Amino acid sequence: MKIKASKPIAKLAKGDKVKVNGLQLEVDAHYVFEDYKTTKEMLIELFDVKTDKDYQLRYFDDQVEETIKFYELKVIVYEEVELNNLEW
């Protein structure tokens, strides 16, 4: 997986643009999904302006590159999608 970052991932906020596997997506929200006391699982909600499809990036704040995963909303659940390229 290749990550190209213009700023730390923790600084991504609503309205920022994120390119995932060639898809141009927009950040809708960025928040703590689960707090495990020693680490936090973070969730970035994304959407495609053109298709109105929803996506998520999930990662642990202390191990971003090792734990980041990409999900696409399918009907009512998010399914993991292979993450090849990521930039913001």
PDB file of N, CA and C in Angstrom:
ATOM      1  N   MET A   1       0.826  -1.170   0.000  1.00  0.00           N
ATOM      2  CA  MET A   1       0.000   0.000   0.000  1.00  0.00           C
ATOM      3  C   MET A   1       0.881   1.247   0.000  1.00  0.00           C
ATOM      4  N   LYS A   2       0.438   2.255  -0.730  1.00  0.00           N
ATOM      5  CA  LYS A   2       1.181   3.498  -0.839  1.00  0.00           C
ATOM      6  C   LYS A   2       0.347   4.640  -0.248  1.00  0.00           C
ATOM      7  N   ILE A   3       0.935   5.387   0.703  1.00  0.00           N
ATOM      8  CA  ILE A   3       0.252   6.533   1.312  1.00  0.00           C
ATOM      9  C   ILE A   3       1.019   7.808   0.971  1.00  0.00           C
ATOM     10  N   LYS A   4       0.295   8.799   0.480  1.00  0.00           N
ATOM     11  CA  LYS A   4       0.872  10.117   0.194  1.00  0.00           C
ATOM     12  C   LYS A   4       0.069  11.128   1.016  1.00  0.00           C
ATOM     13  N   ALA A   5       0.707  11.726   2.023  1.00  0.00           N
ATOM     14  CA  ALA A   5       0.005  12.608   2.954  1.00  0.00           C
ATOM     15  C   ALA A   5       0.498  14.045   2.846  1.00  0.00           C
ATOM     16  N   SER A   6      -0.454  14.978   2.777  1.00  0.00           N
ATOM     17  CA  SER A   6      -0.107  16.394   2.769  1.00  0.00           C
ATOM     18  C   SER A   6      -0.104  16.982   4.187  1.00  0.00           C
ATOM     19  N   LYS A   7      -0.671  16.223   5.134  1.00  0.00           N
ATOM     20  CA  LYS A   7      -0.692  16.600   6.555  1.00  0.00           C
ATOM     21  C   LYS A   7      -0.955  15.333   7.355  1.00  0.00           C
ATOM     22  N   PRO A   8      -0.759  15.355   8.677  1.00  0.00           N
ATOM     23  CA  PRO A   8      -1.021  14.162   9.491  1.00  0.00           C
ATOM     24  C   PRO A   8      -2.482  13.728   9.355  1.00  0.00           C
ATOM     25  N   ILE A   9      -2.713  12.433   9.344  1.00  0.00           N
ATOM     26  CA  ILE A   9      -4.071  11.911   9.194  1.00  0.00           C
ATOM     27  C   ILE A   9      -4.998  12.428  10.289  1.00  0.00           C
ATOM     28  N   ALA A  10      -4.470  12.656  11.473  1.00  0.00           N
ATOM     29  CA  ALA A  10      -5.278  13.157  12.586  1.00  0.00           C
ATOM     30  C   ALA A  10      -5.866  14.537  12.304  1.00  0.00           C
ATOM     31  N   LYS A  11      -5.298  15.259  11.348  1.00  0.00           N
ATOM     32  CA  LYS A  11      -5.762  16.612  11.008  1.00  0.00           C
ATOM     33  C   LYS A  11      -6.840  16.615   9.928  1.00  0.00           C
ATOM     34  N   LEU A  12      -7.170  15.436   9.351  1.00  0.00           N
ATOM     35  CA  LEU A  12      -8.228  15.390   8.347  1.00  0.00           C
ATOM     36  C   LEU A  12      -9.559  15.756   8.992  1.00  0.00           C
ATOM     37  N   ALA A  13     -10.334  16.608   8.311  1.00  0.00           N
ATOM     38  CA  ALA A  13     -11.595  17.090   8.862  1.00  0.00           C
ATOM     39  C   ALA A  13     -12.657  17.179   7.776  1.00  0.00           C
ATOM     40  N   LYS A  14     -13.879  17.388   8.204  1.00  0.00           N
ATOM     41  CA  LYS A  14     -15.026  17.495   7.294  1.00  0.00           C
ATOM     42  C   LYS A  14     -14.698  18.435   6.132  1.00  0.00           C
ATOM     43  N   GLY A  15     -14.972  17.957   4.921  1.00  0.00           N
ATOM     44  CA  GLY A  15     -14.746  18.750   3.720  1.00  0.00           C
ATOM     45  C   GLY A  15     -13.421  18.489   3.037  1.00  0.00           C
ATOM     46  N   ASP A  16     -12.461  17.879   3.751  1.00  0.00           N
ATOM     47  CA  ASP A  16     -11.175  17.552   3.126  1.00  0.00           C
ATOM     48  C   ASP A  16     -11.371  16.488   2.055  1.00  0.00           C
ATOM     49  N   LYS A  17     -10.514  16.511   1.056  1.00  0.00           N
ATOM     50  CA  LYS A  17     -10.555  15.535  -0.038  1.00  0.00           C
ATOM     51  C   LYS A  17      -9.543  14.428   0.224  1.00  0.00           C
ATOM     52  N   VAL A  18      -9.960  13.187  -0.040  1.00  0.00           N
ATOM     53  CA  VAL A  18      -9.120  12.007   0.128  1.00  0.00           C
ATOM     54  C   VAL A  18      -9.260  11.170  -1.131  1.00  0.00           C
ATOM     55  N   LYS A  19      -8.147  10.726  -1.669  1.00  0.00           N
ATOM     56  CA  LYS A  19      -8.174   9.874  -2.857  1.00  0.00           C
ATOM     57  C   LYS A  19      -7.809   8.456  -2.427  1.00  0.00           C
ATOM     58  N   VAL A  20      -8.734   7.515  -2.651  1.00  0.00           N
ATOM     59  CA  VAL A  20      -8.536   6.127  -2.247  1.00  0.00           C
ATOM     60  C   VAL A  20      -8.717   5.232  -3.466  1.00  0.00           C
ATOM     61  N   ASN A  21      -7.663   4.483  -3.815  1.00  0.00           N
ATOM     62  CA  ASN A  21      -7.714   3.580  -4.966  1.00  0.00           C
ATOM     63  C   ASN A  21      -8.265   4.272  -6.214  1.00  0.00           C
ATOM     64  N   GLY A  22      -7.918   5.540  -6.386  1.00  0.00           N
ATOM     65  CA  GLY A  22      -8.359   6.296  -7.556  1.00  0.00           C
ATOM     66  C   GLY A  22      -9.687   7.008  -7.391  1.00  0.00           C
ATOM     67  N   LEU A  23     -10.432   6.732  -6.323  1.00  0.00           N
ATOM     68  CA  LEU A  23     -11.708   7.402  -6.066  1.00  0.00           C
ATOM     69  C   LEU A  23     -11.468   8.721  -5.345  1.00  0.00           C
ATOM     70  N   GLN A  24     -12.098   9.791  -5.819  1.00  0.00           N
ATOM     71  CA  GLN A  24     -12.012  11.085  -5.145  1.00  0.00           C
ATOM     72  C   GLN A  24     -13.164  11.153  -4.146  1.00  0.00           C
ATOM     73  N   LEU A  25     -12.844  11.149  -2.845  1.00  0.00           N
ATOM     74  CA  LEU A  25     -13.849  11.126  -1.790  1.00  0.00           C
ATOM     75  C   LEU A  25     -13.726  12.360  -0.915  1.00  0.00           C
ATOM     76  N   GLU A  26     -14.786  12.649  -0.183  1.00  0.00           N
ATOM     77  CA  GLU A  26     -14.795  13.799   0.720  1.00  0.00           C
ATOM     78  C   GLU A  26     -15.038  13.318   2.147  1.00  0.00           C
ATOM     79  N   VAL A  27     -14.325  13.917   3.091  1.00  0.00           N
ATOM     80  CA  VAL A  27     -14.480  13.565   4.507  1.00  0.00           C
ATOM     81  C   VAL A  27     -15.796  14.146   5.022  1.00  0.00           C
ATOM     82  N   ASP A  28     -16.595  13.290   5.654  1.00  0.00           N
ATOM     83  CA  ASP A  28     -17.844  13.723   6.263  1.00  0.00           C
ATOM     84  C   ASP A  28     -17.680  13.882   7.775  1.00  0.00           C
ATOM     85  N   ALA A  29     -16.856  12.999   8.386  1.00  0.00           N
ATOM     86  CA  ALA A  29     -16.611  13.054   9.832  1.00  0.00           C
ATOM     87  C   ALA A  29     -15.328  12.297  10.154  1.00  0.00           C
ATOM     88  N   HIS A  30     -14.699  12.664  11.274  1.00  0.00           N
ATOM     89  CA  HIS A  30     -13.479  12.002  11.743  1.00  0.00           C
ATOM     90  C   HIS A  30     -13.558  11.987  13.266  1.00  0.00           C
ATOM     91  N   TYR A  31     -13.624  10.783  13.848  1.00  0.00           N
ATOM     92  CA  TYR A  31     -13.831  10.710  15.290  1.00  0.00           C
ATOM     93  C   TYR A  31     -13.267   9.409  15.880  1.00  0.00           C
ATOM     94  N   VAL A  32     -13.263   9.356  17.222  1.00  0.00           N
ATOM     95  CA  VAL A  32     -12.821   8.164  17.941  1.00  0.00           C
ATOM     96  C   VAL A  32     -13.960   7.146  17.876  1.00  0.00           C
ATOM     97  N   PHE A  33     -13.666   5.993  17.312  1.00  0.00           N
ATOM     98  CA  PHE A  33     -14.637   4.912  17.189  1.00  0.00           C
ATOM     99  C   PHE A  33     -14.667   4.089  18.474  1.00  0.00           C
ATOM    100  N   GLU A  34     -13.481   3.798  19.008  1.00  0.00           N
ATOM    101  CA  GLU A  34     -13.362   3.013  20.239  1.00  0.00           C
ATOM    102  C   GLU A  34     -12.089   3.444  20.970  1.00  0.00           C
ATOM    103  N   ASP A  35     -12.218   3.720  22.262  1.00  0.00           N
ATOM    104  CA  ASP A  35     -11.073   4.104  23.079  1.00  0.00           C
ATOM    105  C   ASP A  35     -10.659   2.913  23.940  1.00  0.00           C
ATOM    106  N   TYR A  36      -9.457   2.389  23.670  1.00  0.00           N
ATOM    107  CA  TYR A  36      -8.959   1.219  24.391  1.00  0.00           C
ATOM    108  C   TYR A  36      -7.976   1.603  25.500  1.00  0.00           C
ATOM    109  N   LYS A  37      -7.968   2.846  25.908  1.00  0.00           N
ATOM    110  CA  LYS A  37      -7.097   3.413  26.947  1.00  0.00           C
ATOM    111  C   LYS A  37      -5.647   3.568  26.503  1.00  0.00           C
ATOM    112  N   THR A  38      -5.033   2.549  25.905  1.00  0.00           N
ATOM    113  CA  THR A  38      -3.651   2.675  25.440  1.00  0.00           C
ATOM    114  C   THR A  38      -3.585   3.089  23.974  1.00  0.00           C
ATOM    115  N   THR A  39      -4.686   2.940  23.262  1.00  0.00           N
ATOM    116  CA  THR A  39      -4.767   3.352  21.854  1.00  0.00           C
ATOM    117  C   THR A  39      -6.221   3.663  21.534  1.00  0.00           C
ATOM    118  N   LYS A  40      -6.411   4.386  20.446  1.00  0.00           N
ATOM    119  CA  LYS A  40      -7.766   4.723  20.006  1.00  0.00           C
ATOM    120  C   LYS A  40      -7.962   4.230  18.587  1.00  0.00           C
ATOM    121  N   GLU A  41      -9.106   3.590  18.354  1.00  0.00           N
ATOM    122  CA  GLU A  41      -9.476   3.224  16.993  1.00  0.00           C
ATOM    123  C   GLU A  41     -10.240   4.408  16.409  1.00  0.00           C
ATOM    124  N   MET A  42      -9.706   4.946  15.326  1.00  0.00           N
ATOM    125  CA  MET A  42     -10.270   6.139  14.706  1.00  0.00           C
ATOM    126  C   MET A  42     -11.078   5.753  13.471  1.00  0.00           C
ATOM    127  N   LEU A  43     -12.078   6.565  13.165  1.00  0.00           N
ATOM    128  CA  LEU A  43     -12.931   6.306  12.017  1.00  0.00           C
ATOM    129  C   LEU A  43     -13.091   7.594  11.217  1.00  0.00           C
ATOM    130  N   ILE A  44     -12.853   7.501   9.930  1.00  0.00           N
ATOM    131  CA  ILE A  44     -13.076   8.626   9.016  1.00  0.00           C
ATOM    132  C   ILE A  44     -14.200   8.209   8.077  1.00  0.00           C
ATOM    133  N   GLU A  45     -15.327   8.916   8.157  1.00  0.00           N
ATOM    134  CA  GLU A  45     -16.442   8.646   7.257  1.00  0.00           C
ATOM    135  C   GLU A  45     -16.226   9.462   5.985  1.00  0.00           C
ATOM    136  N   LEU A  46     -16.354   8.787   4.838  1.00  0.00           N
ATOM    137  CA  LEU A  46     -16.126   9.400   3.532  1.00  0.00           C
ATOM    138  C   LEU A  46     -17.333   9.177   2.643  1.00  0.00           C
ATOM    139  N   PHE A  47     -17.498  10.039   1.630  1.00  0.00           N
ATOM    140  CA  PHE A  47     -18.541   9.808   0.640  1.00  0.00           C
ATOM    141  C   PHE A  47     -18.074  10.292  -0.723  1.00  0.00           C
ATOM    142  N   ASP A  48     -18.651   9.696  -1.745  1.00  0.00           N
ATOM    143  CA  ASP A  48     -18.379  10.056  -3.130  1.00  0.00           C
ATOM    144  C   ASP A  48     -19.463  11.032  -3.563  1.00  0.00           C
ATOM    145  N   VAL A  49     -19.093  12.254  -3.859  1.00  0.00           N
ATOM    146  CA  VAL A  49     -20.049  13.296  -4.232  1.00  0.00           C
ATOM    147  C   VAL A  49     -20.825  12.897  -5.487  1.00  0.00           C
ATOM    148  N   LYS A  50     -20.166  12.234  -6.424  1.00  0.00           N
ATOM    149  CA  LYS A  50     -20.800  11.878  -7.700  1.00  0.00           C
ATOM    150  C   LYS A  50     -21.818  10.759  -7.558  1.00  0.00           C
ATOM    151  N   THR A  51     -21.514   9.730  -6.758  1.00  0.00           N
ATOM    152  CA  THR A  51     -22.396   8.555  -6.665  1.00  0.00           C
ATOM    153  C   THR A  51     -23.169   8.483  -5.350  1.00  0.00           C
ATOM    154  N   ASP A  52     -22.821   9.331  -4.378  1.00  0.00           N
ATOM    155  CA  ASP A  52     -23.426   9.348  -3.046  1.00  0.00           C
ATOM    156  C   ASP A  52     -23.198   8.036  -2.282  1.00  0.00           C
ATOM    157  N   LYS A  53     -22.140   7.307  -2.640  1.00  0.00           N
ATOM    158  CA  LYS A  53     -21.783   6.082  -1.917  1.00  0.00           C
ATOM    159  C   LYS A  53     -20.974   6.443  -0.679  1.00  0.00           C
ATOM    160  N   ASP A  54     -21.107   5.627   0.361  1.00  0.00           N
ATOM    161  CA  ASP A  54     -20.414   5.865   1.631  1.00  0.00           C
ATOM    162  C   ASP A  54     -19.262   4.885   1.831  1.00  0.00           C
ATOM    163  N   TYR A  55     -18.197   5.396   2.449  1.00  0.00           N
ATOM    164  CA  TYR A  55     -16.986   4.622   2.707  1.00  0.00           C
ATOM    165  C   TYR A  55     -16.455   4.989   4.085  1.00  0.00           C
ATOM    166  N   GLN A  56     -15.521   4.173   4.590  1.00  0.00           N
ATOM    167  CA  GLN A  56     -14.847   4.465   5.852  1.00  0.00           C
ATOM    168  C   GLN A  56     -13.373   4.101   5.758  1.00  0.00           C
ATOM    169  N   LEU A  57     -12.563   4.884   6.450  1.00  0.00           N
ATOM    170  CA  LEU A  57     -11.184   4.519   6.742  1.00  0.00           C
ATOM    171  C   LEU A  57     -11.145   4.297   8.248  1.00  0.00           C
ATOM    172  N   ARG A  58     -10.545   3.191   8.675  1.00  0.00           N
ATOM    173  CA  ARG A  58     -10.393   2.906  10.102  1.00  0.00           C
ATOM    174  C   ARG A  58      -8.920   2.643  10.382  1.00  0.00           C
ATOM    175  N   TYR A  59      -8.452   3.153  11.512  1.00  0.00           N
ATOM    176  CA  TYR A  59      -7.053   2.962  11.890  1.00  0.00           C
ATOM    177  C   TYR A  59      -6.890   3.171  13.385  1.00  0.00           C
ATOM    178  N   PHE A  60      -5.773   2.664  13.913  1.00  0.00           N
ATOM    179  CA  PHE A  60      -5.420   2.911  15.307  1.00  0.00           C
ATOM    180  C   PHE A  60      -4.435   4.072  15.334  1.00  0.00           C
ATOM    181  N   ASP A  61      -4.675   5.037  16.208  1.00  0.00           N
ATOM    182  CA  ASP A  61      -3.916   6.286  16.184  1.00  0.00           C
ATOM    183  C   ASP A  61      -2.422   6.129  16.444  1.00  0.00           C
ATOM    184  N   ASP A  62      -2.009   5.037  17.071  1.00  0.00           N
ATOM    185  CA  ASP A  62      -0.583   4.849  17.352  1.00  0.00           C
ATOM    186  C   ASP A  62       0.117   3.952  16.331  1.00  0.00           C
ATOM    187  N   GLN A  63      -0.623   3.432  15.349  1.00  0.00           N
ATOM    188  CA  GLN A  63      -0.049   2.545  14.324  1.00  0.00           C
ATOM    189  C   GLN A  63      -0.788   2.731  12.999  1.00  0.00           C
ATOM    190  N   VAL A  64      -0.829   3.935  12.506  1.00  0.00           N
ATOM    191  CA  VAL A  64      -1.643   4.255  11.333  1.00  0.00           C
ATOM    192  C   VAL A  64      -1.319   3.371  10.135  1.00  0.00           C
ATOM    193  N   GLU A  65      -0.094   3.387   9.677  1.00  0.00           N
ATOM    194  CA  GLU A  65       0.258   2.669   8.445  1.00  0.00           C
ATOM    195  C   GLU A  65       0.062   1.162   8.559  1.00  0.00           C
ATOM    196  N   GLU A  66       0.260   0.602   9.740  1.00  0.00           N
ATOM    197  CA  GLU A  66       0.131  -0.842   9.927  1.00  0.00           C
ATOM    198  C   GLU A  66      -1.323  -1.290  10.056  1.00  0.00           C
ATOM    199  N   THR A  67      -2.220  -0.380  10.456  1.00  0.00           N
ATOM    200  CA  THR A  67      -3.584  -0.797  10.779  1.00  0.00           C
ATOM    201  C   THR A  67      -4.668  -0.204   9.890  1.00  0.00           C
ATOM    202  N   ILE A  68      -4.346   0.734   9.019  1.00  0.00           N
ATOM    203  CA  ILE A  68      -5.383   1.412   8.243  1.00  0.00           C
ATOM    204  C   ILE A  68      -6.089   0.439   7.295  1.00  0.00           C
ATOM    205  N   LYS A  69      -7.428   0.533   7.299  1.00  0.00           N
ATOM    206  CA  LYS A  69      -8.262  -0.314   6.442  1.00  0.00           C
ATOM    207  C   LYS A  69      -9.352   0.550   5.815  1.00  0.00           C
ATOM    208  N   PHE A  70      -9.811   0.121   4.642  1.00  0.00           N
ATOM    209  CA  PHE A  70     -10.806   0.845   3.863  1.00  0.00           C
ATOM    210  C   PHE A  70     -12.056  -0.013   3.716  1.00  0.00           C
ATOM    211  N   TYR A  71     -13.225   0.590   3.910  1.00  0.00           N
ATOM    212  CA  TYR A  71     -14.491  -0.128   3.842  1.00  0.00           C
ATOM    213  C   TYR A  71     -15.474   0.613   2.944  1.00  0.00           C
ATOM    214  N   GLU A  72     -16.327  -0.159   2.282  1.00  0.00           N
ATOM    215  CA  GLU A  72     -17.392   0.390   1.442  1.00  0.00           C
ATOM    216  C   GLU A  72     -18.725  -0.076   2.013  1.00  0.00           C
ATOM    217  N   LEU A  73     -19.699   0.835   2.090  1.00  0.00           N
ATOM    218  CA  LEU A  73     -21.019   0.473   2.595  1.00  0.00           C
ATOM    219  C   LEU A  73     -21.767  -0.320   1.525  1.00  0.00           C
ATOM    220  N   LYS A  74     -22.153  -1.544   1.881  1.00  0.00           N
ATOM    221  CA  LYS A  74     -22.923  -2.423   0.998  1.00  0.00           C
ATOM    222  C   LYS A  74     -24.237  -2.714   1.704  1.00  0.00           C
ATOM    223  N   VAL A  75     -25.313  -2.231   1.192  1.00  0.00           N
ATOM    224  CA  VAL A  75     -26.660  -2.364   1.737  1.00  0.00           C
ATOM    225  C   VAL A  75     -26.704  -1.801   3.160  1.00  0.00           C
ATOM    226  N   ILE A  76     -26.378  -2.605   4.190  1.00  0.00           N
ATOM    227  CA  ILE A  76     -26.446  -2.089   5.571  1.00  0.00           C
ATOM    228  C   ILE A  76     -25.163  -2.320   6.366  1.00  0.00           C
ATOM    229  N   VAL A  77     -24.164  -2.960   5.781  1.00  0.00           N
ATOM    230  CA  VAL A  77     -22.906  -3.199   6.490  1.00  0.00           C
ATOM    231  C   VAL A  77     -21.728  -2.718   5.648  1.00  0.00           C
ATOM    232  N   TYR A  78     -20.650  -2.365   6.325  1.00  0.00           N
ATOM    233  CA  TYR A  78     -19.424  -1.977   5.639  1.00  0.00           C
ATOM    234  C   TYR A  78     -18.589  -3.221   5.384  1.00  0.00           C
ATOM    235  N   GLU A  79     -18.148  -3.400   4.134  1.00  0.00           N
ATOM    236  CA  GLU A  79     -17.279  -4.510   3.768  1.00  0.00           C
ATOM    237  C   GLU A  79     -15.894  -3.973   3.460  1.00  0.00           C
ATOM    238  N   GLU A  80     -14.882  -4.699   3.935  1.00  0.00           N
ATOM    239  CA  GLU A  80     -13.502  -4.274   3.707  1.00  0.00           C
ATOM    240  C   GLU A  80     -13.150  -4.374   2.227  1.00  0.00           C
ATOM    241  N   VAL A  81     -12.446  -3.366   1.733  1.00  0.00           N
ATOM    242  CA  VAL A  81     -11.968  -3.307   0.356  1.00  0.00           C
ATOM    243  C   VAL A  81     -10.456  -3.194   0.422  1.00  0.00           C
ATOM    244  N   GLU A  82      -9.744  -3.900  -0.455  1.00  0.00           N
ATOM    245  CA  GLU A  82      -8.283  -3.816  -0.473  1.00  0.00           C
ATOM    246  C   GLU A  82      -7.843  -2.383  -0.705  1.00  0.00           C
ATOM    247  N   LEU A  83      -6.913  -1.929   0.085  1.00  0.00           N
ATOM    248  CA  LEU A  83      -6.404  -0.567   0.005  1.00  0.00           C
ATOM    249  C   LEU A  83      -5.071  -0.580  -0.692  1.00  0.00           C
ATOM    250  N   ASN A  84      -5.012   0.044  -1.884  1.00  0.00           N
ATOM    251  CA  ASN A  84      -3.780   0.080  -2.678  1.00  0.00           C
ATOM    252  C   ASN A  84      -3.088   1.440  -2.622  1.00  0.00           C
ATOM    253  N   ASN A  85      -3.859   2.494  -2.829  1.00  0.00           N
ATOM    254  CA  ASN A  85      -3.314   3.863  -2.842  1.00  0.00           C
ATOM    255  C   ASN A  85      -4.193   4.768  -1.999  1.00  0.00           C
ATOM    256  N   LEU A  86      -3.549   5.650  -1.250  1.00  0.00           N
ATOM    257  CA  LEU A  86      -4.260   6.575  -0.382  1.00  0.00           C
ATOM    258  C   LEU A  86      -3.501   7.885  -0.358  1.00  0.00           C
ATOM    259  N   GLU A  87      -4.215   8.984  -0.583  1.00  0.00           N
ATOM    260  CA  GLU A  87      -3.572  10.302  -0.468  1.00  0.00           C
ATOM    261  C   GLU A  87      -4.570  11.354  -0.064  1.00  0.00           C
ATOM    262  N   TRP A  88      -4.055  12.349   0.621  1.00  0.00           N
ATOM    263  CA  TRP A  88      -4.848  13.505   1.029  1.00  0.00           C
ATOM    264  C   TRP A  88      -3.979  14.719   1.082  1.00  0.00           C
TER     265      TRP A  88
END
